[in-house]
Amino acid sequence: MSYPEKTRSNMWFLVPIFFGMIGGIIAYLIIRKDDPQKAKKCIYVGIIMVILGIILNISLASEVSTLHPGFNVNI
């Protein structure tokens, strides 16, 4: 079954930017019939956001180990 292709708004790219891979999948499922190229790009944006999140978490985790034990925080 062939669906007529119509362009969707670029605002759909905000869904994977804010929600990562889950947002990419949601955007893909919603716009795949109307604009398949944009739907694939939403998946790619979701994957890129997950990879950036992992890199950011690794870099922040490496900085935590360099903190001194007396950095004036009472727990």
Protein backbone atom coordinates (compact mmCIF):
# COMPACT_ATOMS: atom_id res chain seq x y z
CA MET A 1 0.00 0.00 0.00
CA SER A 2 1.46 3.32 -1.05
CA TYR A 3 0.70 6.42 0.97
CA PRO A 4 0.83 9.89 -0.55
CA GLU A 5 3.94 11.65 0.69
CA LYS A 6 3.43 15.04 2.30
CA THR A 7 5.96 17.08 4.18
CA ARG A 8 5.72 17.38 7.92
CA SER A 9 6.92 20.18 10.15
CA ASN A 10 10.55 20.35 11.24
CA MET A 11 9.25 20.65 14.80
CA TRP A 12 9.17 16.83 14.83
CA PHE A 13 12.93 16.91 15.36
CA LEU A 14 12.34 18.35 18.83
CA VAL A 15 10.78 15.08 20.01
CA PRO A 16 14.01 13.02 19.70
CA ILE A 17 16.09 15.95 20.94
CA PHE A 18 14.13 16.12 24.19
CA PHE A 19 13.34 12.40 24.63
CA GLY A 20 16.28 10.66 22.96
CA MET A 21 15.79 7.28 21.34
CA ILE A 22 12.26 6.88 22.69
CA GLY A 23 11.32 10.22 21.13
CA GLY A 24 12.89 9.15 17.84
CA ILE A 25 10.82 5.99 17.79
CA ILE A 26 7.64 7.89 18.66
CA ALA A 27 8.28 10.48 15.93
CA TYR A 28 9.08 7.71 13.46
CA LEU A 29 5.88 5.83 14.19
CA ILE A 30 3.76 8.96 13.84
CA ILE A 31 5.21 10.45 10.64
CA ARG A 32 6.49 7.35 8.80
CA LYS A 33 3.54 7.23 6.39
CA ASP A 34 3.49 10.94 5.58
CA ASP A 35 7.22 11.72 5.34
CA PRO A 36 9.42 8.59 5.49
CA GLN A 37 12.70 10.49 4.99
CA LYS A 38 12.03 12.80 7.93
CA ALA A 39 10.96 9.79 10.01
CA LYS A 40 14.33 8.10 9.41
CA LYS A 41 16.14 11.31 10.27
CA CYS A 42 14.22 11.45 13.57
CA ILE A 43 15.52 7.96 14.41
CA TYR A 44 19.06 9.11 13.59
CA VAL A 45 18.70 12.22 15.76
CA GLY A 46 17.49 10.00 18.62
CA ILE A 47 20.52 7.72 18.25
CA ILE A 48 22.88 10.71 18.17
CA MET A 49 21.29 12.14 21.32
CA VAL A 50 21.74 8.82 23.14
CA ILE A 51 25.41 8.67 22.11
CA LEU A 52 25.98 12.28 23.23
CA GLY A 53 24.32 11.51 26.55
CA ILE A 54 26.56 8.50 27.12
CA ILE A 55 29.68 10.51 26.28
CA LEU A 56 28.58 13.33 28.60
CA ASN A 57 27.87 10.90 31.45
CA ILE A 58 31.25 9.21 31.05
CA SER A 59 33.08 12.54 31.05
CA LEU A 60 31.19 13.74 34.13
CA ALA A 61 31.76 10.45 35.95
CA SER A 62 35.49 10.77 35.39
CA GLU A 63 35.43 14.23 36.99
CA VAL A 64 33.67 13.00 40.13
CA SER A 65 36.64 10.82 41.04
CA THR A 66 38.93 13.86 41.09
CA LEU A 67 36.93 15.66 43.79
CA HIS A 68 38.64 15.95 47.14
CA PRO A 69 36.95 14.36 50.15
CA GLY A 70 36.81 17.68 52.01
CA PHE A 71 34.94 19.81 49.51
CA ASN A 72 32.61 21.17 52.22
CA VAL A 73 29.49 19.11 51.68
CA ASN A 74 27.68 17.82 54.75
CA ILE A 75 25.64 14.69 54.22
